[in-house]
Amino acid sequence: NQVIPAGQYVAVPQNPVIVELEWSPTAPFEYYAVSFHVFAQDNVGVTRIEIYFVRDGDAVGAPLHVCESTATCDFNHTNGFPCGNFKYFAIAYDPAGNQVSSFQQTVQVLQEIK
């Protein structure tokens, strides 16, 4: 048993929470860069955020981008995407190894982004 001195407390790790999951432009096409923004919170800190952007029908592979040791992850993707529908989501981790996956948002790329 651990004795905690009076007036002190121990933070019990909980699952992180993804508070913001945004992208712009909302319907990207042609020469646009696509910007992604994720903000997560956790009572013991956020150690990693993974951003996924997966074309419908494709298996989920490696993350599109990873941010380490931060609760905010911003990323501008300029390498292009093919035309179609994509699932956008993020996974956040805390120092205790807890993780949470955001809900998936659908992004429609109207024309191939070059």
N, C-alpha and C. Protein backbone atom coordinates (compact mmCIF):
# COMPACT_ATOMS: atom_id res chain seq x y z
N ASN A 1 0.83 -1.18 0.00
CA ASN A 1 0.00 0.00 0.00
C ASN A 1 0.87 1.24 0.00
N GLN A 2 0.42 2.23 -0.72
CA GLN A 2 1.14 3.49 -0.80
C GLN A 2 0.49 4.50 0.15
N VAL A 3 1.30 5.16 0.95
CA VAL A 3 0.81 6.18 1.87
C VAL A 3 0.99 7.53 1.21
N ILE A 4 -0.09 8.28 1.12
CA ILE A 4 -0.06 9.60 0.51
C ILE A 4 -0.16 10.63 1.63
N PRO A 5 0.84 11.51 1.77
CA PRO A 5 0.79 12.53 2.82
C PRO A 5 -0.45 13.40 2.69
N ALA A 6 -0.92 13.90 3.81
CA ALA A 6 -2.10 14.77 3.83
C ALA A 6 -1.88 15.97 2.92
N GLY A 7 -2.90 16.33 2.17
CA GLY A 7 -2.83 17.50 1.30
C GLY A 7 -2.25 17.20 -0.07
N GLN A 8 -1.85 15.97 -0.32
CA GLN A 8 -1.32 15.60 -1.63
C GLN A 8 -2.23 14.55 -2.25
N TYR A 9 -2.12 14.40 -3.54
CA TYR A 9 -2.91 13.39 -4.22
C TYR A 9 -2.07 12.79 -5.34
N VAL A 10 -2.51 11.66 -5.81
CA VAL A 10 -1.86 10.99 -6.93
C VAL A 10 -2.83 11.02 -8.10
N ALA A 11 -2.39 11.49 -9.24
CA ALA A 11 -3.24 11.52 -10.43
C ALA A 11 -3.41 10.10 -10.95
N VAL A 12 -4.64 9.68 -11.08
CA VAL A 12 -4.94 8.36 -11.62
C VAL A 12 -5.08 8.51 -13.13
N PRO A 13 -4.23 7.79 -13.89
CA PRO A 13 -4.31 7.93 -15.35
C PRO A 13 -5.70 7.56 -15.89
N GLN A 14 -6.16 8.36 -16.81
CA GLN A 14 -7.43 8.13 -17.48
C GLN A 14 -7.16 8.13 -18.98
N ASN A 15 -8.13 7.71 -19.76
CA ASN A 15 -7.96 7.78 -21.20
C ASN A 15 -7.93 9.23 -21.65
N PRO A 16 -7.06 9.56 -22.62
CA PRO A 16 -7.09 10.91 -23.19
C PRO A 16 -8.43 11.19 -23.86
N VAL A 17 -8.68 12.45 -24.12
CA VAL A 17 -9.89 12.87 -24.82
C VAL A 17 -9.47 13.73 -26.00
N ILE A 18 -9.99 13.44 -27.19
CA ILE A 18 -9.72 14.28 -28.35
C ILE A 18 -10.82 15.34 -28.39
N VAL A 19 -10.39 16.59 -28.22
CA VAL A 19 -11.32 17.71 -28.08
C VAL A 19 -11.62 18.35 -29.43
N GLU A 20 -10.60 18.45 -30.29
CA GLU A 20 -10.77 19.08 -31.61
C GLU A 20 -10.19 18.16 -32.68
N LEU A 21 -10.93 18.02 -33.77
CA LEU A 21 -10.50 17.24 -34.94
C LEU A 21 -11.00 18.02 -36.16
N GLU A 22 -10.10 18.76 -36.79
CA GLU A 22 -10.51 19.67 -37.87
C GLU A 22 -9.61 19.50 -39.09
N TRP A 23 -10.12 19.90 -40.24
CA TRP A 23 -9.33 19.97 -41.46
C TRP A 23 -9.84 21.13 -42.30
N SER A 24 -8.99 21.57 -43.20
CA SER A 24 -9.40 22.60 -44.16
C SER A 24 -8.56 22.48 -45.42
N PRO A 25 -9.09 22.86 -46.57
CA PRO A 25 -10.48 23.28 -46.80
C PRO A 25 -11.43 22.11 -46.62
N THR A 26 -12.71 22.39 -46.42
CA THR A 26 -13.67 21.34 -46.12
C THR A 26 -13.90 20.38 -47.29
N ALA A 27 -13.77 20.85 -48.51
CA ALA A 27 -13.89 19.99 -49.70
C ALA A 27 -12.69 20.28 -50.61
N PRO A 28 -11.53 19.72 -50.28
CA PRO A 28 -10.31 20.06 -51.03
C PRO A 28 -10.33 19.55 -52.47
N PHE A 29 -9.68 20.31 -53.35
CA PHE A 29 -9.51 19.87 -54.73
C PHE A 29 -8.31 20.54 -55.35
N GLU A 30 -7.84 19.97 -56.41
CA GLU A 30 -6.70 20.37 -57.23
C GLU A 30 -5.46 20.78 -56.47
N TYR A 31 -5.12 22.04 -56.39
CA TYR A 31 -3.81 22.46 -55.90
C TYR A 31 -3.78 22.85 -54.43
N TYR A 32 -4.81 22.49 -53.69
CA TYR A 32 -4.86 22.85 -52.27
C TYR A 32 -3.94 21.95 -51.43
N ALA A 33 -3.30 22.54 -50.46
CA ALA A 33 -2.72 21.76 -49.38
C ALA A 33 -3.86 21.48 -48.40
N VAL A 34 -3.83 20.35 -47.77
CA VAL A 34 -4.86 20.01 -46.79
C VAL A 34 -4.24 20.18 -45.40
N SER A 35 -4.88 20.98 -44.56
CA SER A 35 -4.39 21.24 -43.21
C SER A 35 -5.20 20.43 -42.21
N PHE A 36 -4.50 19.79 -41.28
CA PHE A 36 -5.13 18.98 -40.24
C PHE A 36 -4.79 19.57 -38.88
N HIS A 37 -5.76 19.51 -37.96
CA HIS A 37 -5.56 20.02 -36.60
C HIS A 37 -6.23 19.08 -35.62
N VAL A 38 -5.47 18.65 -34.60
CA VAL A 38 -6.00 17.80 -33.54
C VAL A 38 -5.55 18.37 -32.20
N PHE A 39 -6.47 18.44 -31.25
CA PHE A 39 -6.14 18.84 -29.89
C PHE A 39 -6.70 17.80 -28.94
N ALA A 40 -5.83 17.27 -28.06
CA ALA A 40 -6.23 16.25 -27.10
C ALA A 40 -5.90 16.71 -25.69
N GLN A 41 -6.62 16.15 -24.71
CA GLN A 41 -6.37 16.46 -23.30
C GLN A 41 -6.27 15.16 -22.52
N ASP A 42 -5.52 15.23 -21.42
CA ASP A 42 -5.43 14.10 -20.52
C ASP A 42 -4.94 14.63 -19.17
N ASN A 43 -5.37 14.02 -18.08
CA ASN A 43 -5.00 14.52 -16.76
C ASN A 43 -3.51 14.32 -16.43
N VAL A 44 -2.82 13.43 -17.15
CA VAL A 44 -1.38 13.24 -16.92
C VAL A 44 -0.55 13.63 -18.14
N GLY A 45 -1.18 14.26 -19.13
CA GLY A 45 -0.47 14.73 -20.31
C GLY A 45 -0.71 13.87 -21.53
N VAL A 46 -0.40 14.41 -22.67
CA VAL A 46 -0.52 13.71 -23.95
C VAL A 46 0.88 13.51 -24.49
N THR A 47 1.23 12.28 -24.84
CA THR A 47 2.58 11.99 -25.32
C THR A 47 2.67 11.82 -26.83
N ARG A 48 1.54 11.52 -27.47
CA ARG A 48 1.60 11.24 -28.91
C ARG A 48 0.21 11.41 -29.51
N ILE A 49 0.18 12.01 -30.70
CA ILE A 49 -1.05 12.08 -31.49
C ILE A 49 -0.72 11.58 -32.89
N GLU A 50 -1.52 10.63 -33.36
CA GLU A 50 -1.37 10.11 -34.72
C GLU A 50 -2.55 10.57 -35.56
N ILE A 51 -2.27 11.11 -36.75
CA ILE A 51 -3.31 11.56 -37.68
C ILE A 51 -3.41 10.53 -38.81
N TYR A 52 -4.63 10.09 -39.07
CA TYR A 52 -4.90 9.12 -40.14
C TYR A 52 -5.83 9.75 -41.17
N PHE A 53 -5.56 9.47 -42.44
CA PHE A 53 -6.38 9.93 -43.55
C PHE A 53 -6.40 8.78 -44.54
N VAL A 54 -7.47 7.99 -44.52
CA VAL A 54 -7.52 6.71 -45.21
C VAL A 54 -8.61 6.72 -46.27
N ARG A 55 -8.25 6.37 -47.48
CA ARG A 55 -9.22 6.32 -48.57
C ARG A 55 -10.22 5.20 -48.30
N ASP A 56 -11.53 5.46 -48.57
CA ASP A 56 -12.56 4.44 -48.39
C ASP A 56 -12.16 3.17 -49.13
N GLY A 57 -12.29 2.05 -48.44
CA GLY A 57 -11.97 0.76 -49.03
C GLY A 57 -10.54 0.31 -48.79
N ASP A 58 -9.66 1.23 -48.38
CA ASP A 58 -8.27 0.88 -48.10
C ASP A 58 -8.13 0.47 -46.63
N ALA A 59 -7.17 -0.40 -46.38
CA ALA A 59 -6.86 -0.78 -44.99
C ALA A 59 -6.16 0.37 -44.29
N VAL A 60 -6.36 0.46 -43.00
CA VAL A 60 -5.67 1.48 -42.20
C VAL A 60 -4.22 1.04 -42.07
N GLY A 61 -3.32 1.89 -42.49
CA GLY A 61 -1.90 1.60 -42.41
C GLY A 61 -1.22 2.52 -41.43
N ALA A 62 -0.06 2.97 -41.81
CA ALA A 62 0.71 3.89 -40.97
C ALA A 62 0.00 5.24 -40.91
N PRO A 63 0.20 5.98 -39.84
CA PRO A 63 -0.40 7.31 -39.76
C PRO A 63 0.15 8.24 -40.84
N LEU A 64 -0.66 9.20 -41.26
CA LEU A 64 -0.23 10.21 -42.20
C LEU A 64 0.80 11.13 -41.55
N HIS A 65 0.62 11.39 -40.25
CA HIS A 65 1.53 12.27 -39.52
C HIS A 65 1.47 11.94 -38.03
N VAL A 66 2.60 12.14 -37.34
CA VAL A 66 2.67 11.88 -35.89
C VAL A 66 3.28 13.10 -35.21
N CYS A 67 2.68 13.51 -34.10
CA CYS A 67 3.25 14.56 -33.24
C CYS A 67 3.58 13.94 -31.90
N GLU A 68 4.77 14.22 -31.39
CA GLU A 68 5.24 13.65 -30.13
C GLU A 68 5.27 14.73 -29.04
N SER A 69 4.97 14.34 -27.82
CA SER A 69 5.11 15.18 -26.61
C SER A 69 4.36 16.51 -26.71
N THR A 70 3.16 16.46 -27.26
CA THR A 70 2.36 17.68 -27.39
C THR A 70 0.88 17.31 -27.40
N ALA A 71 0.06 18.22 -26.92
CA ALA A 71 -1.39 18.01 -26.93
C ALA A 71 -2.04 18.57 -28.19
N THR A 72 -1.28 19.32 -28.97
CA THR A 72 -1.79 19.90 -30.22
C THR A 72 -0.95 19.40 -31.39
N CYS A 73 -1.62 18.95 -32.42
CA CYS A 73 -0.93 18.44 -33.61
C CYS A 73 -1.50 19.15 -34.83
N ASP A 74 -0.66 19.95 -35.49
CA ASP A 74 -1.04 20.66 -36.71
C ASP A 74 -0.14 20.17 -37.83
N PHE A 75 -0.73 19.94 -39.01
CA PHE A 75 0.03 19.37 -40.12
C PHE A 75 -0.57 19.85 -41.43
N ASN A 76 0.27 20.32 -42.35
CA ASN A 76 -0.14 20.70 -43.70
C ASN A 76 0.39 19.65 -44.67
N HIS A 77 -0.52 18.95 -45.32
CA HIS A 77 -0.14 17.91 -46.28
C HIS A 77 -0.12 18.51 -47.68
N THR A 78 1.03 18.46 -48.33
CA THR A 78 1.17 19.07 -49.65
C THR A 78 1.54 18.06 -50.73
N ASN A 79 1.54 16.77 -50.41
CA ASN A 79 1.96 15.75 -51.38
C ASN A 79 0.84 15.21 -52.25
N GLY A 80 -0.37 15.72 -52.11
CA GLY A 80 -1.47 15.31 -52.97
C GLY A 80 -2.27 14.15 -52.44
N PHE A 81 -3.51 14.05 -52.95
CA PHE A 81 -4.41 12.94 -52.67
C PHE A 81 -5.18 12.65 -53.95
N PRO A 82 -5.54 11.39 -54.19
CA PRO A 82 -6.41 11.10 -55.32
C PRO A 82 -7.84 11.53 -55.01
N CYS A 83 -8.65 11.62 -56.02
CA CYS A 83 -10.06 11.96 -55.88
C CYS A 83 -10.76 10.83 -55.13
N GLY A 84 -11.72 11.16 -54.27
CA GLY A 84 -12.50 10.14 -53.58
C GLY A 84 -12.85 10.54 -52.16
N ASN A 85 -13.44 9.59 -51.44
CA ASN A 85 -13.82 9.81 -50.05
C ASN A 85 -12.76 9.22 -49.14
N PHE A 86 -12.47 9.94 -48.06
CA PHE A 86 -11.45 9.53 -47.09
C PHE A 86 -12.04 9.58 -45.69
N LYS A 87 -11.51 8.72 -44.82
CA LYS A 87 -11.85 8.78 -43.40
C LYS A 87 -10.71 9.49 -42.69
N TYR A 88 -11.05 10.48 -41.89
CA TYR A 88 -10.07 11.25 -41.13
C TYR A 88 -10.32 10.99 -39.66
N PHE A 89 -9.28 10.55 -38.95
CA PHE A 89 -9.40 10.34 -37.52
C PHE A 89 -8.03 10.45 -36.88
N ALA A 90 -8.01 10.48 -35.55
CA ALA A 90 -6.76 10.60 -34.82
C ALA A 90 -6.78 9.65 -33.63
N ILE A 91 -5.59 9.30 -33.17
CA ILE A 91 -5.42 8.51 -31.95
C ILE A 91 -4.47 9.28 -31.03
N ALA A 92 -4.87 9.46 -29.77
CA ALA A 92 -4.05 10.15 -28.78
C ALA A 92 -3.62 9.17 -27.70
N TYR A 93 -2.40 9.37 -27.19
CA TYR A 93 -1.81 8.50 -26.16
C TYR A 93 -1.38 9.34 -24.97
N ASP A 94 -1.43 8.74 -23.77
CA ASP A 94 -0.90 9.41 -22.59
C ASP A 94 0.32 8.64 -22.08
N PRO A 95 1.05 9.18 -21.07
CA PRO A 95 2.27 8.53 -20.60
C PRO A 95 2.04 7.14 -20.00
N ALA A 96 0.83 6.86 -19.55
CA ALA A 96 0.53 5.57 -18.95
C ALA A 96 0.23 4.50 -20.00
N GLY A 97 0.22 4.89 -21.29
CA GLY A 97 -0.08 3.94 -22.35
C GLY A 97 -1.54 3.87 -22.72
N ASN A 98 -2.40 4.66 -22.06
CA ASN A 98 -3.81 4.71 -22.44
C ASN A 98 -3.92 5.41 -23.79
N GLN A 99 -4.92 5.03 -24.55
CA GLN A 99 -5.14 5.65 -25.85
C GLN A 99 -6.62 5.79 -26.13
N VAL A 100 -6.93 6.71 -27.03
CA VAL A 100 -8.30 6.90 -27.47
C VAL A 100 -8.27 7.23 -28.96
N SER A 101 -9.25 6.70 -29.67
CA SER A 101 -9.41 7.01 -31.09
C SER A 101 -10.59 7.96 -31.22
N SER A 102 -10.43 8.99 -32.04
CA SER A 102 -11.53 9.92 -32.27
C SER A 102 -12.59 9.25 -33.12
N PHE A 103 -13.71 9.89 -33.25
CA PHE A 103 -14.69 9.47 -34.23
C PHE A 103 -14.12 9.71 -35.62
N GLN A 104 -14.65 9.03 -36.63
CA GLN A 104 -14.16 9.21 -37.99
C GLN A 104 -15.02 10.23 -38.72
N GLN A 105 -14.35 11.15 -39.39
CA GLN A 105 -15.05 12.11 -40.23
C GLN A 105 -14.78 11.74 -41.69
N THR A 106 -15.75 11.97 -42.53
CA THR A 106 -15.58 11.71 -43.96
C THR A 106 -15.21 13.00 -44.67
N VAL A 107 -14.13 12.92 -45.45
CA VAL A 107 -13.68 14.06 -46.25
C VAL A 107 -13.76 13.65 -47.71
N GLN A 108 -14.42 14.47 -48.52
CA GLN A 108 -14.53 14.19 -49.94
C GLN A 108 -13.54 15.07 -50.70
N VAL A 109 -12.59 14.42 -51.37
CA VAL A 109 -11.66 15.13 -52.25
C VAL A 109 -12.31 15.16 -53.62
N LEU A 110 -12.67 16.38 -54.06
CA LEU A 110 -13.48 16.52 -55.28
C LEU A 110 -12.68 16.29 -56.56
N GLN A 111 -11.43 16.71 -56.58
CA GLN A 111 -10.54 16.49 -57.72
C GLN A 111 -9.18 16.11 -57.16
N GLU A 112 -8.42 15.37 -57.93
CA GLU A 112 -7.10 14.96 -57.47
C GLU A 112 -6.30 16.18 -57.02
N ILE A 113 -5.70 16.06 -55.85
CA ILE A 113 -4.85 17.13 -55.34
C ILE A 113 -3.42 16.81 -55.76
N LYS A 114 -2.81 17.74 -56.47
CA LYS A 114 -1.48 17.48 -57.03
C LYS A 114 -0.39 18.07 -56.19
